[in-house]
Amino acid sequence: MRERAFGSLKYEHLYRIDIDDGQTLATEAEQYRQVFNHTRPHETLGLRRPAEVHHEDQQTQASTESN
């Protein structure tokens, strides 16, 4: 899954812009990470976003542990 995320970062974002230094690379990677996790729906997650799935998993785990 991580390899797929890095591929998306490179091909959907980084290869499309000019990056002159490490700070720009870090900034662009963080901006894409936010979009990837909170904005962009993922087909393999039923068109949900990773942050949604993670939040649901946290709620399910907390509910299971409290019972």
C-alpha atoms as a PDB file:
ATOM      1  CA  MET A   1       0.000   0.000   0.000  1.00  0.00           C
ATOM      2  CA  ARG A   2       2.815   2.433   0.800  1.00  0.00           C
ATOM      3  CA  GLU A   3       4.476   1.750  -2.533  1.00  0.00           C
ATOM      4  CA  ARG A   4       1.215   2.641  -4.269  1.00  0.00           C
ATOM      5  CA  ALA A   5       0.971   5.876  -2.259  1.00  0.00           C
ATOM      6  CA  PHE A   6       4.525   6.853  -3.192  1.00  0.00           C
ATOM      7  CA  GLY A   7       3.781   6.076  -6.832  1.00  0.00           C
ATOM      8  CA  SER A   8       0.722   8.301  -6.701  1.00  0.00           C
ATOM      9  CA  LEU A   9       2.726  11.075  -5.053  1.00  0.00           C
ATOM     10  CA  LYS A  10       5.366  10.929  -7.768  1.00  0.00           C
ATOM     11  CA  TYR A  11       3.205  10.460 -10.853  1.00  0.00           C
ATOM     12  CA  GLU A  12       0.147  12.495  -9.882  1.00  0.00           C
ATOM     13  CA  HIS A  13       1.984  15.407  -8.310  1.00  0.00           C
ATOM     14  CA  LEU A  14       5.773  15.678  -8.081  1.00  0.00           C
ATOM     15  CA  TYR A  15       6.629  14.847 -11.688  1.00  0.00           C
ATOM     16  CA  ARG A  16       4.217  17.538 -12.874  1.00  0.00           C
ATOM     17  CA  ILE A  17       5.936  20.488 -11.165  1.00  0.00           C
ATOM     18  CA  ASP A  18       9.407  21.991 -10.948  1.00  0.00           C
ATOM     19  CA  ILE A  19      11.117  21.343  -7.638  1.00  0.00           C
ATOM     20  CA  ASP A  20      14.276  23.319  -7.011  1.00  0.00           C
ATOM     21  CA  ASP A  21      15.186  22.354  -3.448  1.00  0.00           C
ATOM     22  CA  GLY A  22      14.494  20.082  -0.506  1.00  0.00           C
ATOM     23  CA  GLN A  23      12.165  22.531   1.236  1.00  0.00           C
ATOM     24  CA  THR A  24       9.933  22.753  -1.827  1.00  0.00           C
ATOM     25  CA  LEU A  25       9.922  18.960  -2.083  1.00  0.00           C
ATOM     26  CA  ALA A  26       8.891  18.613   1.571  1.00  0.00           C
ATOM     27  CA  THR A  27       6.156  21.238   1.208  1.00  0.00           C
ATOM     28  CA  GLU A  28       4.730  19.693  -1.957  1.00  0.00           C
ATOM     29  CA  ALA A  29       4.831  16.181  -0.513  1.00  0.00           C
ATOM     30  CA  GLU A  30       2.958  17.323   2.608  1.00  0.00           C
ATOM     31  CA  GLN A  31       0.331  19.140   0.550  1.00  0.00           C
ATOM     32  CA  TYR A  32      -0.233  16.034  -1.542  1.00  0.00           C
ATOM     33  CA  ARG A  33      -0.393  13.855   1.595  1.00  0.00           C
ATOM     34  CA  GLN A  34      -3.241  15.994   2.886  1.00  0.00           C
ATOM     35  CA  VAL A  35      -5.129  15.679  -0.409  1.00  0.00           C
ATOM     36  CA  PHE A  36      -4.367  11.942  -0.646  1.00  0.00           C
ATOM     37  CA  ASN A  37      -5.664  11.207   2.859  1.00  0.00           C
ATOM     38  CA  HIS A  38      -8.467  13.741   3.339  1.00  0.00           C
ATOM     39  CA  THR A  39      -9.764  14.858  -0.074  1.00  0.00           C
ATOM     40  CA  ARG A  40      -9.095  12.243  -2.753  1.00  0.00           C
ATOM     41  CA  PRO A  41     -11.495   9.265  -2.771  1.00  0.00           C
ATOM     42  CA  HIS A  42      -9.862   5.867  -3.277  1.00  0.00           C
ATOM     43  CA  GLU A  43     -11.486   3.211  -5.410  1.00  0.00           C
ATOM     44  CA  THR A  44     -10.074   0.364  -3.304  1.00  0.00           C
ATOM     45  CA  LEU A  45     -11.706   1.905  -0.226  1.00  0.00           C
ATOM     46  CA  GLY A  46     -15.147   2.080  -1.809  1.00  0.00           C
ATOM     47  CA  LEU A  47     -14.558   5.707  -2.847  1.00  0.00           C
ATOM     48  CA  ARG A  48     -13.905   6.680   0.750  1.00  0.00           C
ATOM     49  CA  ARG A  49     -10.874   8.592   1.929  1.00  0.00           C
ATOM     50  CA  PRO A  50      -8.116   6.977   4.040  1.00  0.00           C
ATOM     51  CA  ALA A  51      -8.763   9.383   6.922  1.00  0.00           C
ATOM     52  CA  GLU A  52     -12.424   8.287   6.997  1.00  0.00           C
ATOM     53  CA  VAL A  53     -11.480   4.608   7.063  1.00  0.00           C
ATOM     54  CA  HIS A  54      -8.908   5.196   9.797  1.00  0.00           C
ATOM     55  CA  HIS A  55     -11.452   7.118  11.888  1.00  0.00           C
ATOM     56  CA  GLU A  56     -14.024   4.331  11.465  1.00  0.00           C
ATOM     57  CA  ASP A  57     -11.433   1.728  12.482  1.00  0.00           C
ATOM     58  CA  GLN A  58     -10.557   3.756  15.587  1.00  0.00           C
ATOM     59  CA  GLN A  59     -14.232   3.972  16.578  1.00  0.00           C
ATOM     60  CA  THR A  60     -14.750   0.241  16.017  1.00  0.00           C
ATOM     61  CA  GLN A  61     -11.664  -0.613  18.059  1.00  0.00           C
ATOM     62  CA  ALA A  62     -12.694   1.702  20.906  1.00  0.00           C
ATOM     63  CA  SER A  63     -16.191   0.208  20.898  1.00  0.00           C
ATOM     64  CA  THR A  64     -14.820  -3.339  20.969  1.00  0.00           C
ATOM     65  CA  GLU A  65     -12.414  -2.549  23.798  1.00  0.00           C
ATOM     66  CA  SER A  66     -15.150  -0.962  25.941  1.00  0.00           C
ATOM     67  CA  ASN A  67     -17.334  -4.082  25.750  1.00  0.00           C
END
